[in-house]
Protein backbone atom coordinates (compact mmCIF):
# COMPACT_ATOMS: atom_id res chain seq x y z
CA UNK A 1 -1.42 -6.66 -24.75
CA UNK A 2 -3.26 -7.70 -21.58
CA UNK A 3 -2.64 -7.17 -17.86
CA UNK A 4 -2.96 -9.23 -14.69
CA UNK A 5 -3.19 -7.63 -11.25
CA UNK A 6 -2.10 -9.96 -8.46
CA UNK A 7 -4.20 -9.04 -5.43
CA UNK A 8 -4.85 -12.46 -3.90
CA UNK A 9 -2.49 -12.32 -0.91
CA UNK A 10 -3.70 -12.23 2.68
CA UNK A 11 -1.19 -9.61 3.86
CA UNK A 12 0.21 -11.59 6.78
CA UNK A 13 2.79 -8.94 7.65
CA UNK A 14 -0.06 -6.43 8.04
CA UNK A 15 -1.74 -8.49 10.77
CA UNK A 16 -3.83 -7.74 12.84
CA UNK A 17 -5.16 -5.17 10.33
CA UNK A 18 -5.88 -8.06 7.95
CA UNK A 19 -7.51 -10.23 10.61
CA UNK A 20 -10.89 -10.03 8.88
CA UNK A 21 -10.09 -8.12 5.67
CA UNK A 22 -7.59 -9.27 3.02
CA UNK A 23 -4.86 -6.82 2.10
CA UNK A 24 -6.44 -5.91 -1.24
CA UNK A 25 -9.55 -4.54 0.51
CA UNK A 26 -7.88 -2.36 3.15
CA UNK A 27 -9.15 1.19 2.66
CA UNK A 28 -6.84 4.18 3.06
CA UNK A 29 -7.42 7.60 1.57
CA UNK A 30 -10.99 6.57 0.82
CA UNK A 31 -9.86 3.87 -1.58
CA UNK A 32 -9.01 0.18 -1.43
CA UNK A 33 -5.41 -0.79 -2.00
CA UNK A 34 -6.12 -2.57 -5.28
CA UNK A 35 -7.47 0.69 -6.74
CA UNK A 36 -4.03 2.33 -6.46
CA UNK A 37 -2.64 -0.40 -8.71
CA UNK A 38 -5.50 0.10 -11.16
CA UNK A 39 -4.48 3.77 -11.31
CA UNK A 40 -1.16 2.75 -12.84
CA UNK A 41 -2.87 0.54 -15.41
CA UNK A 42 -5.33 3.32 -16.23
CA UNK A 43 -2.32 5.43 -17.24
CA UNK A 44 -1.38 2.69 -19.72
CA UNK A 45 -4.91 2.00 -21.03
CA UNK A 46 -3.94 2.93 -24.57
CA UNK A 47 -1.70 -0.16 -24.68
CA UNK A 48 -3.99 -2.63 -22.89
CA UNK A 49 -6.92 -4.70 -24.13
CA UNK A 50 -7.93 -6.63 -21.01
CA UNK A 51 -7.16 -6.34 -17.28
CA UNK A 52 -7.70 -9.35 -14.99
CA UNK A 53 -7.88 -8.58 -11.26
CA UNK A 54 -7.04 -11.71 -9.24
CA UNK A 55 -8.60 -11.47 -5.76
CA UNK A 56 -8.39 -13.69 -2.66
CA UNK A 57 -10.41 -16.87 -2.70
CA UNK A 58 -13.96 -16.40 -1.41
CA UNK A 59 -13.75 -12.59 -1.46
CA UNK A 60 -15.41 -11.62 -4.74
CA UNK A 61 -18.54 -10.56 -2.86
CA UNK A 62 -16.43 -7.87 -1.13
CA UNK A 63 -15.51 -6.21 -4.42
CA UNK A 64 -16.95 -2.77 -5.00
CA UNK A 65 -17.34 -0.97 -8.29
CA UNK A 66 -14.42 -1.34 -10.70
CA UNK A 67 -13.91 0.12 -14.21
CA UNK A 68 -15.63 -1.67 -17.07
CA UNK A 69 -12.23 -2.67 -18.50
CA UNK A 70 -11.46 -4.79 -15.41
CA UNK A 71 -12.55 -8.42 -14.99
CA UNK A 72 -12.31 -9.76 -11.42
CA UNK A 73 -11.68 -13.43 -10.65
CA UNK A 74 -10.84 -15.36 -7.49
CA UNK A 75 -7.44 -16.99 -7.08
CA UNK A 76 -7.44 -20.78 -7.47
CA UNK A 77 -3.91 -21.87 -6.55
CA UNK A 78 -1.53 -20.70 -3.83
CA UNK A 79 1.18 -18.07 -3.81
CA UNK A 80 2.33 -15.84 -6.63
CA UNK A 81 2.39 -18.82 -8.98
CA UNK A 82 -1.24 -19.67 -8.26
CA UNK A 83 -2.29 -16.07 -8.81
CA UNK A 84 -0.38 -15.91 -12.10
CA UNK A 85 -1.88 -19.19 -13.30
CA UNK A 86 -5.37 -17.92 -12.44
CA UNK A 87 -4.86 -14.71 -14.38
CA UNK A 88 -3.37 -16.50 -17.40
CA UNK A 89 -6.28 -18.95 -17.43
CA UNK A 90 -8.73 -16.03 -17.50
CA UNK A 91 -6.84 -14.52 -20.44
CA UNK A 92 -6.80 -17.88 -22.26
CA UNK A 93 -3.82 -17.07 -24.44
CA UNK A 94 -2.47 -13.84 -25.80
CA UNK A 95 0.58 -12.04 -27.10
CA UNK A 96 2.13 -10.01 -24.31
CA UNK A 97 1.19 -9.62 -20.65
CA UNK A 98 1.77 -6.97 -18.00
CA UNK A 99 1.80 -8.30 -14.43
CA UNK A 100 1.30 -5.83 -11.58
CA UNK A 101 1.28 -6.58 -7.85
CA UNK A 102 -0.85 -4.70 -5.33
CA UNK A 103 0.99 -3.12 -2.44
CA UNK A 104 3.45 -1.29 -4.69
CA UNK A 105 2.46 2.34 -5.21
CA UNK A 106 4.22 4.90 -7.38
CA UNK A 107 3.66 8.63 -7.70
CA UNK A 108 3.11 9.84 -10.30
CA UNK A 109 1.19 6.66 -11.21
CA UNK A 110 3.04 6.26 -14.51
CA UNK A 111 5.34 3.37 -13.58
CA UNK A 112 3.59 0.81 -15.79
CA UNK A 113 3.43 3.19 -18.74
CA UNK A 114 7.15 3.89 -18.47
CA UNK A 115 7.82 0.16 -18.17
CA UNK A 116 5.89 -0.49 -21.38
CA UNK A 117 7.80 2.27 -23.18
CA UNK A 118 11.08 0.73 -22.04
CA UNK A 119 9.97 -2.78 -23.06
CA UNK A 120 8.85 -1.69 -26.52
CA UNK A 121 12.24 -0.17 -27.34
CA UNK A 122 14.53 -2.66 -25.58
CA UNK A 123 16.06 -5.90 -26.78
CA UNK A 124 14.62 -7.95 -23.91
CA UNK A 125 11.64 -10.35 -24.13
CA UNK A 126 10.95 -9.68 -20.45
CA UNK A 127 11.28 -6.42 -18.50
CA UNK A 128 10.81 -5.64 -14.81
CA UNK A 129 10.51 -2.41 -12.89
CA UNK A 130 13.05 -1.92 -10.11
CA UNK A 131 13.57 0.82 -7.53
CA UNK A 132 16.51 1.78 -5.32
CA UNK A 133 16.28 0.27 -1.87
CA UNK A 134 15.50 3.09 0.55
CA UNK A 135 14.52 1.61 3.91
CA UNK A 136 16.24 -1.76 3.98
CA UNK A 137 12.84 -3.23 4.85
CA UNK A 138 11.79 -4.14 1.32
CA UNK A 139 10.64 -7.74 1.42
CA UNK A 140 10.74 -9.36 -2.01
CA UNK A 141 12.75 -9.54 -5.23
CA UNK A 142 16.26 -8.24 -4.60
CA UNK A 143 17.87 -7.47 -7.94
CA UNK A 144 21.42 -7.17 -9.22
CA UNK A 145 21.68 -5.05 -12.37
CA UNK A 146 24.36 -5.56 -15.03
CA UNK A 147 26.25 -2.94 -17.06
CA UNK A 148 23.75 -3.09 -19.96
CA UNK A 149 20.79 -2.38 -17.71
CA UNK A 150 19.93 -6.07 -17.62
CA UNK A 151 18.93 -8.06 -14.55
CA UNK A 152 21.84 -10.33 -13.66
CA UNK A 153 20.19 -12.04 -10.72
CA UNK A 154 17.14 -11.85 -8.48
CA UNK A 155 16.54 -13.46 -5.11
CA UNK A 156 13.45 -13.68 -2.96
CA UNK A 157 14.89 -12.63 0.38
CA UNK A 158 17.61 -10.08 1.16
CA UNK A 159 21.21 -11.19 1.59
CA UNK A 160 23.94 -9.33 3.49
CA UNK A 161 24.60 -7.04 0.53
CA UNK A 162 21.10 -5.55 0.85
CA UNK A 163 20.91 -5.26 4.62
CA UNK A 164 22.33 -1.73 4.63
CA UNK A 165 19.56 -0.43 2.38
CA UNK A 166 21.64 -0.46 -0.81
CA UNK A 167 20.94 -1.86 -4.26
CA UNK A 168 17.69 -2.47 -6.14
CA UNK A 169 14.44 -4.23 -5.43
CA UNK A 170 11.53 -5.38 -7.60
CA UNK A 171 9.10 -2.45 -7.90
CA UNK A 172 5.91 -4.39 -8.49
CA UNK A 173 5.48 -4.72 -12.27
CA UNK A 174 6.85 -6.73 -15.18
CA UNK A 175 5.95 -7.28 -18.81
CA UNK A 176 6.80 -9.96 -21.33
CA UNK A 177 5.61 -12.43 -23.92
CA UNK A 178 2.81 -14.73 -22.80
CA UNK A 179 5.05 -17.81 -22.95
CA UNK A 180 7.63 -16.22 -20.64
CA UNK A 181 4.99 -15.22 -18.08
CA UNK A 182 3.59 -18.76 -18.23
CA UNK A 183 7.00 -20.13 -17.27
CA UNK A 184 7.01 -18.00 -14.14
CA UNK A 185 3.71 -19.59 -13.11
CA UNK A 186 5.04 -23.08 -13.79
CA UNK A 187 8.66 -22.85 -12.56
CA UNK A 188 8.22 -20.48 -9.61
CA UNK A 189 8.22 -16.71 -9.89
CA UNK A 190 11.61 -15.84 -8.41
CA UNK A 191 13.39 -18.99 -9.57
CA UNK A 192 12.01 -18.71 -13.10
CA UNK A 193 12.86 -15.02 -13.32
CA UNK A 194 16.35 -15.77 -12.03
CA UNK A 195 16.96 -18.43 -14.67
CA UNK A 196 15.85 -16.10 -17.45
CA UNK A 197 18.01 -13.32 -16.02
CA UNK A 198 21.07 -15.60 -16.05
CA UNK A 199 20.51 -16.04 -19.78
CA UNK A 200 20.43 -12.28 -20.36
CA UNK A 201 16.71 -12.19 -21.18
CA UNK A 202 15.48 -9.71 -18.56
CA UNK A 203 15.82 -5.94 -18.76
CA UNK A 204 15.35 -3.50 -15.87
CA UNK A 205 13.58 -0.15 -15.83
CA UNK A 206 14.77 1.84 -12.81
CA UNK A 207 11.95 3.92 -11.35
CA UNK A 208 13.13 7.24 -9.93
CA UNK A 209 9.82 8.73 -8.76
CA UNK A 210 8.16 8.28 -5.38
CA UNK A 211 7.62 4.63 -4.57
CA UNK A 212 6.55 2.63 -1.53
CA UNK A 213 6.11 -1.06 -0.83
CA UNK A 214 3.19 -1.71 1.54
CA UNK A 215 4.28 -4.82 3.40
CA UNK A 216 4.30 -3.81 7.08
CA UNK A 217 1.82 -1.71 9.09
CA UNK A 218 4.24 1.21 9.39
CA UNK A 219 4.50 1.33 5.58
CA UNK A 220 0.86 2.43 5.48
CA UNK A 221 1.78 5.66 7.23
CA UNK A 222 3.37 6.84 3.96
CA UNK A 223 0.01 6.85 2.20
CA UNK A 224 -1.61 10.11 3.43
CA UNK A 225 1.13 12.13 1.74
CA UNK A 226 0.54 10.30 -1.54
CA UNK A 227 -3.26 10.63 -1.29
CA UNK A 228 -3.07 14.39 -0.76
CA UNK A 229 -0.29 14.96 -3.30
CA UNK A 230 -1.08 17.21 -6.25
CA UNK A 231 -3.48 19.47 -4.38
CA UNK A 232 -3.07 22.11 -1.71
CA UNK A 233 -6.66 21.99 -0.43
CA UNK A 234 -9.80 20.19 -1.56
CA UNK A 235 -12.99 20.62 0.49
CA UNK A 236 -16.33 19.09 -0.47
CA UNK A 237 -19.22 21.52 -0.58
CA UNK A 238 -21.06 19.09 1.71
CA UNK A 239 -18.43 19.17 4.47
CA UNK A 240 -18.78 21.29 7.63
CA UNK A 241 -15.69 23.45 8.17
CA UNK A 242 -16.29 26.51 10.39
CA UNK A 243 -14.36 29.72 9.83
CA UNK A 244 -12.48 29.26 13.08
CA UNK A 245 -10.77 26.12 11.72
CA UNK A 246 -7.16 26.50 10.56
CA UNK A 247 -6.21 24.44 7.48
CA UNK A 248 -2.60 24.28 6.32
CA UNK A 249 -0.94 22.21 3.61
CA UNK A 250 -2.29 19.54 1.22
CA UNK A 251 -5.64 18.41 2.66
CA UNK A 252 -8.62 16.52 1.25
CA UNK A 253 -11.94 16.83 3.12
CA UNK A 254 -14.78 14.64 1.80
CA UNK A 255 -18.54 15.16 1.89
CA UNK A 256 -20.26 14.82 5.24
CA UNK A 257 -17.01 15.39 7.15
CA UNK A 258 -17.23 17.69 10.16
CA UNK A 259 -14.39 19.74 11.64
CA UNK A 260 -15.02 21.23 15.07
CA UNK A 261 -14.65 24.88 15.99
CA UNK A 262 -11.08 26.15 16.58
CA UNK A 263 -9.47 22.93 15.33
CA UNK A 264 -6.26 22.83 13.30
CA UNK A 265 -5.70 20.41 10.41
CA UNK A 266 -2.17 20.22 9.04
CA UNK A 267 -1.49 18.44 5.76
CA UNK A 268 -0.82 16.10 4.29
CA UNK A 269 -4.16 14.88 5.60
CA UNK A 270 -7.25 13.07 4.40
CA UNK A 271 -10.60 13.51 6.18
CA UNK A 272 -12.99 10.92 4.75
CA UNK A 273 -16.71 10.86 4.14
CA UNK A 274 -18.62 11.34 7.39
CA UNK A 275 -15.43 11.56 9.49
CA UNK A 276 -15.33 14.08 12.32
CA UNK A 277 -12.81 16.09 14.31
CA UNK A 278 -13.86 17.48 17.67
CA UNK A 279 -13.46 21.11 18.64
CA UNK A 280 -10.03 22.51 19.52
CA UNK A 281 -8.19 19.43 18.25
CA UNK A 282 -4.99 19.31 16.23
CA UNK A 283 -4.93 16.73 13.44
CA UNK A 284 -1.88 16.16 11.23
CA UNK A 285 0.45 16.17 9.61
CA UNK A 286 0.30 12.80 7.87
CA UNK A 287 -3.14 11.70 9.05
CA UNK A 288 -5.91 9.79 7.30
CA UNK A 289 -9.36 9.54 8.88
CA UNK A 290 -11.41 7.11 6.84
CA UNK A 291 -15.17 7.00 6.43
CA UNK A 292 -16.95 7.52 9.73
CA UNK A 293 -13.75 7.75 11.80
CA UNK A 294 -13.71 10.31 14.59
CA UNK A 295 -11.38 12.30 16.83
CA UNK A 296 -12.76 13.71 20.07
CA UNK A 297 -12.41 17.31 21.30
CA UNK A 298 -9.09 18.66 22.57
CA UNK A 299 -7.06 15.80 21.08
CA UNK A 300 -3.76 15.79 19.20
CA UNK A 301 -3.36 13.23 16.42
CA UNK A 302 -0.26 12.99 14.23
CA UNK A 303 1.13 10.51 11.72
CA UNK A 304 -1.88 8.22 12.16
CA UNK A 305 -4.38 6.27 10.09
CA UNK A 306 -7.86 5.64 11.51
CA UNK A 307 -9.76 3.19 9.32
CA UNK A 308 -13.50 3.09 8.80
CA UNK A 309 -15.47 3.67 11.99
CA UNK A 310 -12.39 3.94 14.23
CA UNK A 311 -12.63 6.34 17.18
CA UNK A 312 -10.15 8.42 19.15
CA UNK A 313 -11.51 9.88 22.37
CA UNK A 314 -11.35 13.35 23.85
CA UNK A 315 -8.09 14.82 25.19
CA UNK A 316 -6.07 11.98 23.67
CA UNK A 317 -2.52 12.21 22.35
CA UNK A 318 -1.96 9.79 19.48
CA UNK A 319 1.09 9.51 17.25
CA UNK A 320 2.27 6.87 14.77
CA UNK A 321 -0.81 4.69 15.24
CA UNK A 322 -2.87 2.59 12.83
CA UNK A 323 -6.42 1.90 13.95
CA UNK A 324 -8.25 -0.95 12.25
CA UNK A 325 -11.96 -0.67 11.40
CA UNK A 326 -14.23 0.10 14.39
CA UNK A 327 -11.33 0.10 16.85
CA UNK A 328 -11.08 2.67 19.64
CA UNK A 329 -8.58 4.69 21.65
CA UNK A 330 -10.18 6.01 24.82
CA UNK A 331 -10.39 9.46 26.35
CA UNK A 332 -7.11 10.90 27.67
CA UNK A 333 -5.13 7.95 26.29
CA UNK A 334 -1.54 8.43 25.16
CA UNK A 335 -0.11 6.50 22.22
CA UNK A 336 3.47 7.43 21.37
CA UNK A 337 6.16 5.98 19.10
CA UNK A 338 8.33 3.23 20.52
CA UNK A 339 10.18 0.09 19.54
CA UNK A 340 7.67 -2.44 18.12
CA UNK A 341 7.11 -5.35 20.45
CA UNK A 342 7.82 -8.59 18.53
CA UNK A 343 4.45 -10.22 19.08
CA UNK A 344 4.66 -11.84 15.63
CA UNK A 345 7.71 -13.46 13.98
CA UNK A 346 7.78 -10.98 11.12
CA UNK A 347 8.16 -8.08 13.58
CA UNK A 348 11.34 -9.61 14.98
CA UNK A 349 12.68 -10.04 11.45
CA UNK A 350 11.98 -6.39 10.64
CA UNK A 351 13.67 -5.22 13.84
CA UNK A 352 16.75 -7.23 13.01
CA UNK A 353 17.02 -5.46 9.68
CA UNK A 354 16.04 -1.99 10.95
CA UNK A 355 16.71 -1.64 14.69
CA UNK A 356 15.55 1.99 14.75
CA UNK A 357 11.96 1.12 13.77
CA UNK A 358 9.21 2.72 15.86
CA UNK A 359 5.42 2.59 15.96
CA UNK A 360 2.84 3.92 18.38
CA UNK A 361 0.28 1.11 18.16
CA UNK A 362 -1.44 -1.13 15.63
CA UNK A 363 -5.04 -1.95 16.53
CA UNK A 364 -6.87 -4.78 14.81
CA UNK A 365 -10.57 -4.55 13.90
CA UNK A 366 -12.62 -3.71 17.00
CA UNK A 367 -9.56 -3.57 19.30
CA UNK A 368 -9.43 -1.06 22.15
CA UNK A 369 -7.08 1.02 24.24
CA UNK A 370 -8.95 2.09 27.35
CA UNK A 371 -9.51 5.45 29.00
CA UNK A 372 -6.17 6.96 30.12
CA UNK A 373 -4.40 4.02 28.51
CA UNK A 374 -0.73 4.25 27.65
CA UNK A 375 0.68 2.40 24.64
CA UNK A 376 3.96 2.39 22.74
CA UNK A 377 4.96 -0.18 20.15
CA UNK A 378 2.07 -2.56 20.77
CA UNK A 379 0.05 -4.79 18.42
CA UNK A 380 -3.44 -5.11 19.85
CA UNK A 381 -6.02 -7.64 18.72
């Protein structure tokens, strides 16, 4: 059995965070998004011979170190079908294939292993993982399940029956015979899966653990809790954490990180390599400061992700924000949750489906909010 990881998408709904970095390479919790998918395949390594990681065209030079059991290739065609065809070509034949999409994260990371267990004991030549709809903002693969646990139908976009956040949605992984996976590449992923489902050929494993689909910027704010899960407190011996600092809850502090005197860090939180928190600041809960990110003195930062090299100034109040690499929020600025402004078409679509959505700000790479700036619900390039 082999596996294909589909990581070739641009992440258009994550714009402007993906303005210069494809979705697969966004780093949160000190790790790129594709690595979270590889975690799930690592749990199933006893069943897998080869793993093909399909990356965006022209991006192979951006790839860091991956396990020796992973072969990375660049996507040749377009869409899910192009990514599938690329992965199948790299495999050059085989018996059975697991297909896993990036942007779907499960905790514990055993979803693929459970899917393979289900597949090996079921009557179906194709099996998919599904999860209960929780937010109503899931974006792809809406599934109707029959009385035998089979998939009766699947559609690409949500219909009225899913708008209230009910039902099931594709949870990011499927497994089947090579010939069946090939048909999905040739006939269209959703259409081909739907035709096989109508013939009673597709079984469904319902995942009941933690699960998130990372399609929109606000979805990323769920990651700090997953990154810090499983540990109450992990501090590198090479981090600087004075005795006057108060640490509470699940927190990971990496080497070279510096926490200022009299600061408070509330988990779940991730403080990355070389990141810094100024004195007398309050950081958390639900915060991730990536490599080299910084928070100035006397600031309050909650429910926020600051990507590599991002900066938050002194005496700032920041909540529900996502800062792209090397972006900046100035001294004494206030960023607070508010209704997202529909700068992009996909934001308007999300608001139609979930009117209560809120976000503080989403800053693209190098974007800035000035000194004493005030922002609520903005997308800043």
